[in-house]
Amino acid sequence: LEAREERQVTAAGQTFLLEPPFFVLATQNPIELEGTYPLPEAQLDRFLLNVVMDYLPQADEIRMVTETTAVQKETPEKVFTSEEILEIQNWVRQVPVSEHVVSYAVRLVSATRPVADDSPDFVKDQVKWGAGSRASQALILAGKARALLNGRYAVAIEDVQALATPVLRHRMIPNFHAEAEGITADSLIQRLLETIKE
């Protein structure tokens, strides 16, 4: 299966167009890597978020096992039509964001770049490659959606901070020395959040 930015999918040599709002989610299983190869950094940048799913907490796993091994009770129902999803996406883009919040997002992203004059010393020492402008766009766009989901009608610094790790973890590449010391992109992002002033 191959997903393309042209909003189409190719499977077994046959191409299928994806009508909005449909899209492809990429998944990576850390165990079964045979026949798969890591994407180049430039292609990783096309993904809005990199969400890590770990094992469920025990109480949640108990509930999941109980529900999935019982007699099926409910049939899934449609929540939104494709037209309604497109309308919601349009609403998200209309959420206002102050210049102060945009400036913070851009400064945070810029600080991930080891070649930037104003990036912290630990970034210059431990980062091979920093995030590009798509990361700033992703922080603001995802921040707009998060604000609405939390019942707010404007993006706040807290939205940018909450989304920094899933937006930046696949766009900020630790260098060899950092990896040898067990320093991850997540830990570097956390340190940046403590360093970059609002």
N, C-alpha and C. Protein backbone atom coordinates (compact mmCIF):
# COMPACT_ATOMS: atom_id res chain seq x y z
N LEU A 1 0.85 -1.19 0.00
CA LEU A 1 0.00 0.00 0.00
C LEU A 1 0.88 1.23 0.00
N GLU A 2 0.63 2.14 -0.89
CA GLU A 2 1.42 3.36 -0.99
C GLU A 2 0.48 4.55 -0.95
N ALA A 3 0.75 5.49 -0.07
CA ALA A 3 -0.06 6.71 0.01
C ALA A 3 0.71 7.85 -0.64
N ARG A 4 0.02 8.66 -1.36
CA ARG A 4 0.68 9.78 -2.01
C ARG A 4 0.02 11.08 -1.57
N GLU A 5 0.84 12.15 -1.60
CA GLU A 5 0.31 13.44 -1.20
C GLU A 5 -0.75 13.93 -2.19
N GLU A 6 -0.81 13.32 -3.37
CA GLU A 6 -1.81 13.71 -4.36
C GLU A 6 -3.20 13.17 -4.02
N ARG A 7 -3.38 12.67 -2.81
CA ARG A 7 -4.67 12.18 -2.31
C ARG A 7 -5.15 10.96 -3.10
N GLN A 8 -4.23 10.04 -3.29
CA GLN A 8 -4.59 8.78 -3.92
C GLN A 8 -3.78 7.66 -3.27
N VAL A 9 -4.26 6.45 -3.43
CA VAL A 9 -3.62 5.29 -2.84
C VAL A 9 -3.39 4.27 -3.95
N THR A 10 -2.22 3.64 -3.92
CA THR A 10 -1.93 2.58 -4.87
C THR A 10 -1.75 1.28 -4.10
N ALA A 11 -2.52 0.26 -4.48
CA ALA A 11 -2.41 -1.07 -3.86
C ALA A 11 -2.35 -2.09 -4.98
N ALA A 12 -1.34 -2.94 -4.94
CA ALA A 12 -1.17 -3.98 -5.96
C ALA A 12 -1.18 -3.39 -7.37
N GLY A 13 -0.56 -2.22 -7.52
CA GLY A 13 -0.44 -1.59 -8.82
C GLY A 13 -1.66 -0.85 -9.30
N GLN A 14 -2.74 -0.84 -8.54
CA GLN A 14 -3.96 -0.15 -8.94
C GLN A 14 -4.13 1.11 -8.09
N THR A 15 -4.41 2.23 -8.72
CA THR A 15 -4.53 3.52 -8.03
C THR A 15 -6.00 3.86 -7.79
N PHE A 16 -6.26 4.30 -6.56
CA PHE A 16 -7.60 4.70 -6.15
C PHE A 16 -7.54 6.12 -5.62
N LEU A 17 -8.44 6.98 -6.13
CA LEU A 17 -8.52 8.35 -5.63
C LEU A 17 -9.23 8.36 -4.28
N LEU A 18 -8.75 9.21 -3.39
CA LEU A 18 -9.39 9.38 -2.08
C LEU A 18 -10.15 10.69 -2.09
N GLU A 19 -11.46 10.60 -2.00
CA GLU A 19 -12.28 11.81 -1.93
C GLU A 19 -12.17 12.40 -0.54
N PRO A 20 -12.12 13.74 -0.43
CA PRO A 20 -12.10 14.35 0.89
C PRO A 20 -13.34 13.94 1.67
N PRO A 21 -13.27 13.70 2.95
CA PRO A 21 -12.15 13.97 3.86
C PRO A 21 -11.27 12.75 4.13
N PHE A 22 -11.32 11.72 3.28
CA PHE A 22 -10.58 10.50 3.56
C PHE A 22 -9.09 10.68 3.35
N PHE A 23 -8.31 9.95 4.13
CA PHE A 23 -6.86 10.05 4.07
C PHE A 23 -6.27 8.73 4.55
N VAL A 24 -4.97 8.60 4.40
CA VAL A 24 -4.27 7.38 4.80
C VAL A 24 -3.53 7.63 6.10
N LEU A 25 -3.67 6.68 7.03
CA LEU A 25 -2.87 6.70 8.25
C LEU A 25 -1.72 5.73 8.07
N ALA A 26 -0.53 6.14 8.40
CA ALA A 26 0.63 5.24 8.34
C ALA A 26 0.84 4.66 9.72
N THR A 27 1.13 3.38 9.77
CA THR A 27 1.41 2.74 11.06
C THR A 27 2.78 2.09 11.00
N GLN A 28 3.40 1.99 12.16
CA GLN A 28 4.69 1.33 12.24
C GLN A 28 4.67 0.43 13.46
N ASN A 29 4.94 -0.83 13.24
CA ASN A 29 5.02 -1.79 14.33
C ASN A 29 6.49 -2.01 14.64
N PRO A 30 6.94 -1.71 15.87
CA PRO A 30 8.37 -1.82 16.17
C PRO A 30 8.90 -3.25 16.16
N ILE A 31 8.02 -4.24 16.10
CA ILE A 31 8.46 -5.63 16.13
C ILE A 31 8.57 -6.19 14.72
N GLU A 32 7.53 -6.00 13.91
CA GLU A 32 7.49 -6.59 12.57
C GLU A 32 7.99 -5.61 11.52
N LEU A 33 9.30 -5.53 11.37
CA LEU A 33 9.88 -4.58 10.43
C LEU A 33 10.32 -5.22 9.12
N GLU A 34 10.20 -6.54 9.00
CA GLU A 34 10.68 -7.23 7.80
C GLU A 34 9.94 -6.72 6.57
N GLY A 35 10.71 -6.32 5.57
CA GLY A 35 10.12 -5.85 4.33
C GLY A 35 9.70 -4.40 4.36
N THR A 36 9.93 -3.70 5.48
CA THR A 36 9.62 -2.27 5.55
C THR A 36 10.91 -1.50 5.80
N TYR A 37 10.90 -0.25 5.41
CA TYR A 37 12.09 0.58 5.56
C TYR A 37 11.66 1.93 6.13
N PRO A 38 12.50 2.52 6.98
CA PRO A 38 12.16 3.84 7.53
C PRO A 38 12.01 4.86 6.40
N LEU A 39 11.07 5.76 6.55
CA LEU A 39 10.90 6.83 5.57
C LEU A 39 12.01 7.85 5.72
N PRO A 40 12.43 8.47 4.62
CA PRO A 40 13.39 9.57 4.72
C PRO A 40 12.79 10.72 5.52
N GLU A 41 13.65 11.51 6.17
CA GLU A 41 13.18 12.62 7.00
C GLU A 41 12.24 13.55 6.25
N ALA A 42 12.53 13.82 4.98
CA ALA A 42 11.70 14.74 4.19
C ALA A 42 10.27 14.20 4.03
N GLN A 43 10.12 12.88 3.95
CA GLN A 43 8.78 12.31 3.83
C GLN A 43 8.07 12.25 5.17
N LEU A 44 8.81 12.07 6.26
CA LEU A 44 8.20 12.08 7.58
C LEU A 44 7.52 13.42 7.86
N ASP A 45 8.10 14.49 7.34
CA ASP A 45 7.59 15.84 7.58
C ASP A 45 6.17 16.02 7.03
N ARG A 46 5.74 15.15 6.13
CA ARG A 46 4.40 15.28 5.56
C ARG A 46 3.30 14.85 6.53
N PHE A 47 3.68 14.11 7.59
CA PHE A 47 2.69 13.65 8.56
C PHE A 47 2.47 14.72 9.61
N LEU A 48 1.21 15.07 9.85
CA LEU A 48 0.87 16.12 10.81
C LEU A 48 1.35 15.76 12.21
N LEU A 49 1.03 14.55 12.66
CA LEU A 49 1.36 14.11 14.02
C LEU A 49 2.01 12.74 13.99
N ASN A 50 2.83 12.49 15.00
CA ASN A 50 3.39 11.16 15.23
C ASN A 50 2.93 10.77 16.64
N VAL A 51 1.92 9.93 16.69
CA VAL A 51 1.31 9.54 17.96
C VAL A 51 1.82 8.15 18.33
N VAL A 52 2.34 8.01 19.54
CA VAL A 52 2.85 6.74 20.01
C VAL A 52 1.78 6.09 20.88
N MET A 53 1.44 4.86 20.54
CA MET A 53 0.47 4.11 21.34
C MET A 53 1.21 3.02 22.09
N ASP A 54 1.17 3.09 23.40
CA ASP A 54 1.85 2.12 24.24
C ASP A 54 0.83 1.11 24.76
N TYR A 55 1.27 0.21 25.63
CA TYR A 55 0.35 -0.74 26.23
C TYR A 55 -0.71 0.01 27.03
N LEU A 56 -1.91 -0.57 27.09
CA LEU A 56 -2.99 0.03 27.88
C LEU A 56 -2.68 -0.08 29.36
N PRO A 57 -3.13 0.91 30.15
CA PRO A 57 -3.09 0.73 31.60
C PRO A 57 -3.93 -0.51 31.96
N GLN A 58 -3.59 -1.18 33.03
CA GLN A 58 -4.22 -2.46 33.35
C GLN A 58 -5.74 -2.36 33.46
N ALA A 59 -6.25 -1.32 34.09
CA ALA A 59 -7.71 -1.18 34.24
C ALA A 59 -8.39 -1.06 32.88
N ASP A 60 -7.77 -0.31 31.96
CA ASP A 60 -8.34 -0.17 30.62
C ASP A 60 -8.26 -1.48 29.85
N GLU A 61 -7.17 -2.23 30.05
CA GLU A 61 -7.04 -3.51 29.36
C GLU A 61 -8.09 -4.50 29.87
N ILE A 62 -8.36 -4.48 31.16
CA ILE A 62 -9.41 -5.35 31.71
C ILE A 62 -10.75 -5.02 31.07
N ARG A 63 -11.07 -3.74 30.96
CA ARG A 63 -12.34 -3.32 30.36
C ARG A 63 -12.39 -3.72 28.89
N MET A 64 -11.28 -3.52 28.17
CA MET A 64 -11.23 -3.86 26.75
C MET A 64 -11.42 -5.36 26.55
N VAL A 65 -10.72 -6.17 27.34
CA VAL A 65 -10.83 -7.62 27.20
C VAL A 65 -12.24 -8.07 27.52
N THR A 66 -12.83 -7.51 28.56
CA THR A 66 -14.20 -7.87 28.94
C THR A 66 -15.18 -7.55 27.81
N GLU A 67 -15.06 -6.35 27.24
CA GLU A 67 -15.99 -5.93 26.19
C GLU A 67 -15.78 -6.68 24.88
N THR A 68 -14.55 -6.98 24.54
CA THR A 68 -14.29 -7.61 23.24
C THR A 68 -14.44 -9.13 23.25
N THR A 69 -14.61 -9.70 24.42
CA THR A 69 -14.82 -11.15 24.48
C THR A 69 -16.25 -11.51 24.86
N ALA A 70 -17.11 -10.51 25.00
CA ALA A 70 -18.52 -10.74 25.31
C ALA A 70 -19.33 -10.79 24.01
N VAL A 71 -20.59 -11.10 24.14
CA VAL A 71 -21.49 -11.08 22.99
C VAL A 71 -21.57 -9.64 22.49
N GLN A 72 -21.43 -9.47 21.18
CA GLN A 72 -21.50 -8.13 20.61
C GLN A 72 -22.90 -7.56 20.83
N LYS A 73 -22.95 -6.37 21.43
CA LYS A 73 -24.25 -5.77 21.74
C LYS A 73 -24.61 -4.63 20.78
N GLU A 74 -23.62 -3.83 20.46
CA GLU A 74 -23.92 -2.61 19.72
C GLU A 74 -23.35 -2.68 18.31
N THR A 75 -24.08 -2.12 17.38
CA THR A 75 -23.60 -1.97 16.01
C THR A 75 -23.09 -0.55 15.87
N PRO A 76 -21.90 -0.37 15.33
CA PRO A 76 -21.40 1.00 15.15
C PRO A 76 -22.36 1.83 14.30
N GLU A 77 -22.51 3.08 14.69
CA GLU A 77 -23.38 3.99 13.95
C GLU A 77 -22.56 5.15 13.41
N LYS A 78 -22.99 5.67 12.28
CA LYS A 78 -22.34 6.82 11.68
C LYS A 78 -22.51 8.02 12.61
N VAL A 79 -21.41 8.70 12.86
CA VAL A 79 -21.44 9.88 13.73
C VAL A 79 -21.55 11.15 12.88
N PHE A 80 -20.77 11.21 11.80
CA PHE A 80 -20.79 12.37 10.90
C PHE A 80 -20.83 11.89 9.46
N THR A 81 -21.39 12.70 8.60
CA THR A 81 -21.29 12.46 7.16
C THR A 81 -19.98 13.07 6.68
N SER A 82 -19.55 12.72 5.48
CA SER A 82 -18.31 13.30 4.95
C SER A 82 -18.46 14.82 4.79
N GLU A 83 -19.65 15.28 4.44
CA GLU A 83 -19.89 16.73 4.30
C GLU A 83 -19.74 17.43 5.63
N GLU A 84 -20.24 16.80 6.71
CA GLU A 84 -20.13 17.40 8.04
C GLU A 84 -18.66 17.45 8.49
N ILE A 85 -17.90 16.44 8.16
CA ILE A 85 -16.48 16.44 8.52
C ILE A 85 -15.76 17.59 7.80
N LEU A 86 -16.07 17.78 6.53
CA LEU A 86 -15.46 18.89 5.78
C LEU A 86 -15.86 20.23 6.37
N GLU A 87 -17.09 20.34 6.82
CA GLU A 87 -17.56 21.58 7.46
C GLU A 87 -16.81 21.82 8.77
N ILE A 88 -16.60 20.77 9.55
CA ILE A 88 -15.86 20.90 10.81
C ILE A 88 -14.41 21.30 10.52
N GLN A 89 -13.81 20.71 9.50
CA GLN A 89 -12.45 21.09 9.13
C GLN A 89 -12.39 22.57 8.76
N ASN A 90 -13.41 23.07 8.11
CA ASN A 90 -13.47 24.49 7.77
C ASN A 90 -13.58 25.35 9.03
N TRP A 91 -14.38 24.90 9.99
CA TRP A 91 -14.50 25.63 11.27
C TRP A 91 -13.15 25.71 11.97
N VAL A 92 -12.42 24.61 11.96
CA VAL A 92 -11.11 24.58 12.63
C VAL A 92 -10.21 25.67 12.06
N ARG A 93 -10.18 25.81 10.76
CA ARG A 93 -9.32 26.82 10.14
C ARG A 93 -9.75 28.24 10.48
N GLN A 94 -11.00 28.43 10.91
CA GLN A 94 -11.48 29.76 11.25
C GLN A 94 -11.18 30.16 12.70
N VAL A 95 -10.66 29.23 13.50
CA VAL A 95 -10.36 29.56 14.90
C VAL A 95 -9.24 30.60 14.92
N PRO A 96 -9.46 31.70 15.66
CA PRO A 96 -8.42 32.74 15.70
C PRO A 96 -7.20 32.32 16.53
N VAL A 97 -6.07 32.87 16.14
CA VAL A 97 -4.83 32.64 16.88
C VAL A 97 -4.07 33.96 16.92
N SER A 98 -3.62 34.33 18.10
CA SER A 98 -2.93 35.61 18.24
C SER A 98 -1.52 35.54 17.66
N GLU A 99 -0.99 36.70 17.34
CA GLU A 99 0.38 36.77 16.83
C GLU A 99 1.36 36.26 17.89
N HIS A 100 1.04 36.47 19.16
CA HIS A 100 1.89 35.99 20.26
C HIS A 100 2.00 34.47 20.24
N VAL A 101 0.90 33.77 20.03
CA VAL A 101 0.90 32.30 20.01
C VAL A 101 1.62 31.80 18.76
N VAL A 102 1.38 32.43 17.61
CA VAL A 102 2.09 32.04 16.38
C VAL A 102 3.59 32.26 16.56
N SER A 103 3.97 33.37 17.15
CA SER A 103 5.38 33.66 17.39
C SER A 103 6.01 32.60 18.29
N TYR A 104 5.30 32.19 19.33
CA TYR A 104 5.82 31.15 20.22
C TYR A 104 6.02 29.84 19.46
N ALA A 105 5.03 29.46 18.64
CA ALA A 105 5.14 28.21 17.87
C ALA A 105 6.33 28.27 16.92
N VAL A 106 6.51 29.38 16.24
CA VAL A 106 7.62 29.52 15.29
C VAL A 106 8.96 29.52 16.03
N ARG A 107 9.03 30.21 17.17
CA ARG A 107 10.28 30.22 17.94
C ARG A 107 10.62 28.83 18.47
N LEU A 108 9.60 28.08 18.89
CA LEU A 108 9.80 26.72 19.38
C LEU A 108 10.36 25.83 18.25
N VAL A 109 9.75 25.91 17.09
CA VAL A 109 10.20 25.11 15.94
C VAL A 109 11.60 25.54 15.51
N SER A 110 11.83 26.82 15.43
CA SER A 110 13.14 27.33 15.02
C SER A 110 14.23 26.85 15.97
N ALA A 111 13.90 26.73 17.25
CA ALA A 111 14.88 26.30 18.26
C ALA A 111 15.29 24.85 18.08
N THR A 112 14.55 24.06 17.28
CA THR A 112 14.92 22.66 17.04
C THR A 112 16.04 22.54 16.01
N ARG A 113 16.37 23.63 15.35
CA ARG A 113 17.33 23.60 14.23
C ARG A 113 18.74 23.90 14.73
N PRO A 114 19.65 22.95 14.61
CA PRO A 114 21.00 23.19 15.12
C PRO A 114 21.76 24.28 14.37
N VAL A 115 21.31 24.63 13.18
CA VAL A 115 21.99 25.67 12.41
C VAL A 115 21.47 27.07 12.72
N ALA A 116 20.36 27.17 13.48
CA ALA A 116 19.80 28.48 13.82
C ALA A 116 20.70 29.17 14.85
N ASP A 117 20.94 30.45 14.64
CA ASP A 117 21.81 31.20 15.55
C ASP A 117 21.29 31.19 16.99
N ASP A 118 19.97 31.26 17.14
CA ASP A 118 19.39 31.38 18.48
C ASP A 118 18.95 30.04 19.08
N SER A 119 19.32 28.91 18.47
CA SER A 119 18.94 27.63 19.07
C SER A 119 19.83 27.38 20.29
N PRO A 120 19.28 26.71 21.30
CA PRO A 120 20.05 26.44 22.52
C PRO A 120 21.27 25.57 22.22
N ASP A 121 22.28 25.67 23.09
CA ASP A 121 23.51 24.91 22.90
C ASP A 121 23.25 23.40 22.86
N PHE A 122 22.30 22.90 23.69
CA PHE A 122 22.06 21.46 23.70
C PHE A 122 21.49 20.99 22.36
N VAL A 123 20.78 21.85 21.65
CA VAL A 123 20.29 21.50 20.32
C VAL A 123 21.45 21.45 19.34
N LYS A 124 22.32 22.44 19.40
CA LYS A 124 23.49 22.45 18.51
C LYS A 124 24.37 21.21 18.74
N ASP A 125 24.42 20.74 19.99
CA ASP A 125 25.28 19.60 20.34
C ASP A 125 24.62 18.25 20.09
N GLN A 126 23.27 18.18 20.11
CA GLN A 126 22.61 16.87 20.13
C GLN A 126 21.63 16.62 19.00
N VAL A 127 21.41 17.59 18.13
CA VAL A 127 20.42 17.43 17.07
C VAL A 127 21.10 17.42 15.70
N LYS A 128 20.76 16.40 14.92
CA LYS A 128 21.28 16.27 13.56
C LYS A 128 20.46 17.14 12.60
N TRP A 129 19.14 17.08 12.77
CA TRP A 129 18.23 17.77 11.86
C TRP A 129 17.04 18.29 12.63
N GLY A 130 16.67 19.54 12.39
CA GLY A 130 15.54 20.14 13.08
C GLY A 130 14.31 20.20 12.21
N ALA A 131 13.23 20.69 12.79
CA ALA A 131 11.93 20.75 12.12
C ALA A 131 11.87 21.92 11.14
N GLY A 132 11.11 21.72 10.07
CA GLY A 132 10.90 22.77 9.08
C GLY A 132 9.63 23.56 9.34
N SER A 133 9.29 24.40 8.39
CA SER A 133 8.13 25.28 8.54
C SER A 133 6.80 24.54 8.64
N ARG A 134 6.74 23.33 8.06
CA ARG A 134 5.50 22.56 8.19
C ARG A 134 5.18 22.26 9.65
N ALA A 135 6.21 22.18 10.48
CA ALA A 135 5.99 21.92 11.91
C ALA A 135 5.28 23.11 12.56
N SER A 136 5.66 24.32 12.20
CA SER A 136 4.98 25.51 12.73
C SER A 136 3.52 25.52 12.30
N GLN A 137 3.29 25.20 11.05
CA GLN A 137 1.91 25.13 10.55
C GLN A 137 1.13 24.05 11.29
N ALA A 138 1.76 22.89 11.51
CA ALA A 138 1.09 21.79 12.19
C ALA A 138 0.74 22.16 13.63
N LEU A 139 1.65 22.84 14.32
CA LEU A 139 1.37 23.25 15.70
C LEU A 139 0.14 24.15 15.77
N ILE A 140 0.05 25.08 14.85
CA ILE A 140 -1.08 26.02 14.87
C ILE A 140 -2.37 25.35 14.42
N LEU A 141 -2.33 24.58 13.34
CA LEU A 141 -3.54 23.94 12.86
C LEU A 141 -4.07 22.92 13.88
N ALA A 142 -3.20 22.09 14.41
CA ALA A 142 -3.63 21.13 15.44
C ALA A 142 -4.05 21.87 16.71
N GLY A 143 -3.40 22.98 16.99
CA GLY A 143 -3.78 23.80 18.15
C GLY A 143 -5.19 24.34 18.01
N LYS A 144 -5.58 24.71 16.80
CA LYS A 144 -6.94 25.19 16.57
C LYS A 144 -7.96 24.08 16.86
N ALA A 145 -7.66 22.89 16.38
CA ALA A 145 -8.57 21.76 16.64
C ALA A 145 -8.62 21.46 18.13
N ARG A 146 -7.48 21.47 18.81
CA ARG A 146 -7.45 21.18 20.25
C ARG A 146 -8.24 22.22 21.04
N ALA A 147 -8.11 23.48 20.65
CA ALA A 147 -8.86 24.53 21.33
C ALA A 147 -10.36 24.27 21.24
N LEU A 148 -10.85 23.96 20.04
CA LEU A 148 -12.27 23.67 19.88
C LEU A 148 -12.70 22.45 20.69
N LEU A 149 -11.87 21.40 20.67
CA LEU A 149 -12.20 20.19 21.42
C LEU A 149 -12.27 20.45 22.92
N ASN A 150 -11.56 21.47 23.38
CA ASN A 150 -11.58 21.83 24.79
C ASN A 150 -12.53 22.98 25.09
N GLY A 151 -13.42 23.30 24.13
CA GLY A 151 -14.45 24.31 24.35
C GLY A 151 -13.96 25.74 24.34
N ARG A 152 -12.81 25.98 23.70
CA ARG A 152 -12.28 27.33 23.61
C ARG A 152 -12.30 27.79 22.16
N TYR A 153 -12.39 29.08 21.96
CA TYR A 153 -12.54 29.62 20.61
C TYR A 153 -11.31 30.38 20.14
N ALA A 154 -10.17 30.13 20.77
CA ALA A 154 -8.90 30.70 20.33
C ALA A 154 -7.78 29.78 20.79
N VAL A 155 -6.70 29.77 20.04
CA VAL A 155 -5.56 28.92 20.36
C VAL A 155 -4.75 29.58 21.48
N ALA A 156 -4.32 28.76 22.45
CA ALA A 156 -3.52 29.25 23.57
C ALA A 156 -2.13 28.61 23.52
N ILE A 157 -1.21 29.20 24.25
CA ILE A 157 0.14 28.64 24.37
C ILE A 157 0.06 27.19 24.84
N GLU A 158 -0.86 26.89 25.75
CA GLU A 158 -1.00 25.52 26.28
C GLU A 158 -1.31 24.52 25.17
N ASP A 159 -2.02 24.94 24.13
CA ASP A 159 -2.31 24.05 23.00
C ASP A 159 -1.02 23.71 22.26
N VAL A 160 -0.21 24.71 22.01
CA VAL A 160 1.07 24.50 21.31
C VAL A 160 1.96 23.59 22.15
N GLN A 161 2.02 23.84 23.45
CA GLN A 161 2.86 23.02 24.33
C GLN A 161 2.37 21.57 24.39
N ALA A 162 1.06 21.39 24.46
CA ALA A 162 0.50 20.03 24.54
C ALA A 162 0.75 19.24 23.26
N LEU A 163 0.86 19.92 22.13
CA LEU A 163 1.03 19.25 20.85
C LEU A 163 2.48 19.19 20.38
N ALA A 164 3.38 19.81 21.12
CA ALA A 164 4.78 19.90 20.69
C ALA A 164 5.39 18.52 20.43
N THR A 165 5.17 17.58 21.33
CA THR A 165 5.81 16.26 21.16
C THR A 165 5.26 15.51 19.95
N PRO A 166 3.94 15.33 19.80
CA PRO A 166 3.48 14.60 18.62
C PRO A 166 3.76 15.32 17.29
N VAL A 167 3.87 16.64 17.32
CA VAL A 167 4.16 17.39 16.09
C VAL A 167 5.65 17.35 15.76
N LEU A 168 6.52 17.37 16.77
CA LEU A 168 7.95 17.51 16.52
C LEU A 168 8.75 16.21 16.57
N ARG A 169 8.24 15.16 17.22
CA ARG A 169 9.07 13.96 17.47
C ARG A 169 9.58 13.30 16.19
N HIS A 170 8.87 13.42 15.09
CA HIS A 170 9.33 12.81 13.85
C HIS A 170 10.02 13.81 12.93
N ARG A 171 10.12 15.05 13.39
CA ARG A 171 10.75 16.09 12.59
C ARG A 171 12.09 16.54 13.17
N MET A 172 12.39 16.12 14.37
CA MET A 172 13.62 16.52 15.08
C MET A 172 14.46 15.25 15.27
N ILE A 173 15.58 15.17 14.61
CA ILE A 173 16.38 13.95 14.58
C ILE A 173 17.62 14.12 15.47
N PRO A 174 17.71 13.36 16.57
CA PRO A 174 18.92 13.43 17.40
C PRO A 174 20.14 12.94 16.61
N ASN A 175 21.31 13.50 16.92
CA ASN A 175 22.52 13.06 16.22
C ASN A 175 23.06 11.77 16.85
N PHE A 176 24.13 11.26 16.27
CA PHE A 176 24.71 9.99 16.71
C PHE A 176 25.10 10.03 18.18
N HIS A 177 25.72 11.12 18.61
CA HIS A 177 26.18 11.23 20.00
C HIS A 177 25.00 11.21 20.97
N ALA A 178 23.93 11.91 20.61
CA ALA A 178 22.74 11.92 21.47
C ALA A 178 22.13 10.52 21.55
N GLU A 179 22.00 9.87 20.41
CA GLU A 179 21.43 8.51 20.40
C GLU A 179 22.28 7.55 21.22
N ALA A 180 23.60 7.69 21.14
CA ALA A 180 24.50 6.82 21.91
C ALA A 180 24.30 7.02 23.41
N GLU A 181 23.89 8.21 23.81
CA GLU A 181 23.64 8.50 25.23
C GLU A 181 22.19 8.24 25.63
N GLY A 182 21.40 7.71 24.69
CA GLY A 182 20.00 7.40 25.00
C GLY A 182 19.09 8.61 24.99
N ILE A 183 19.53 9.70 24.38
CA ILE A 183 18.72 10.93 24.31
C ILE A 183 17.78 10.81 23.11
N THR A 184 16.50 10.97 23.36
CA THR A 184 15.49 10.82 22.31
C THR A 184 14.95 12.19 21.88
N ALA A 185 14.26 12.19 20.77
CA ALA A 185 13.60 13.42 20.33
C ALA A 185 12.62 13.89 21.40
N ASP A 186 11.88 12.96 22.01
CA ASP A 186 10.92 13.35 23.05
C ASP A 186 11.59 14.09 24.20
N SER A 187 12.75 13.59 24.65
CA SER A 187 13.42 14.25 25.77
C SER A 187 13.97 15.61 25.35
N LEU A 188 14.42 15.73 24.11
CA LEU A 188 14.89 17.03 23.61
C LEU A 188 13.75 18.03 23.52
N ILE A 189 12.58 17.56 23.08
CA ILE A 189 11.41 18.45 22.98
C ILE A 189 10.99 18.93 24.37
N GLN A 190 11.00 18.03 25.35
CA GLN A 190 10.65 18.42 26.71
C GLN A 190 11.61 19.49 27.22
N ARG A 191 12.88 19.32 26.93
CA ARG A 191 13.87 20.31 27.35
C ARG A 191 13.65 21.65 26.65
N LEU A 192 13.28 21.60 25.37
CA LEU A 192 12.97 22.84 24.65
C LEU A 192 11.78 23.56 25.27
N LEU A 193 10.74 22.80 25.66
CA LEU A 193 9.57 23.42 26.26
C LEU A 193 9.92 24.11 27.57
N GLU A 194 10.93 23.59 28.27
CA GLU A 194 11.37 24.22 29.50
C GLU A 194 12.28 25.42 29.24
N THR A 195 12.85 25.49 28.04
CA THR A 195 13.84 26.53 27.71
C THR A 195 13.23 27.73 26.99
N ILE A 196 12.35 27.47 26.02
CA ILE A 196 11.80 28.54 25.18
C ILE A 196 10.71 29.29 25.96
N LYS A 197 10.91 30.56 26.11
CA LYS A 197 9.98 31.40 26.88
C LYS A 197 8.72 31.70 26.08
N GLU A 198 7.62 31.80 26.80
CA GLU A 198 6.34 32.12 26.16
C GLU A 198 6.37 33.54 25.64
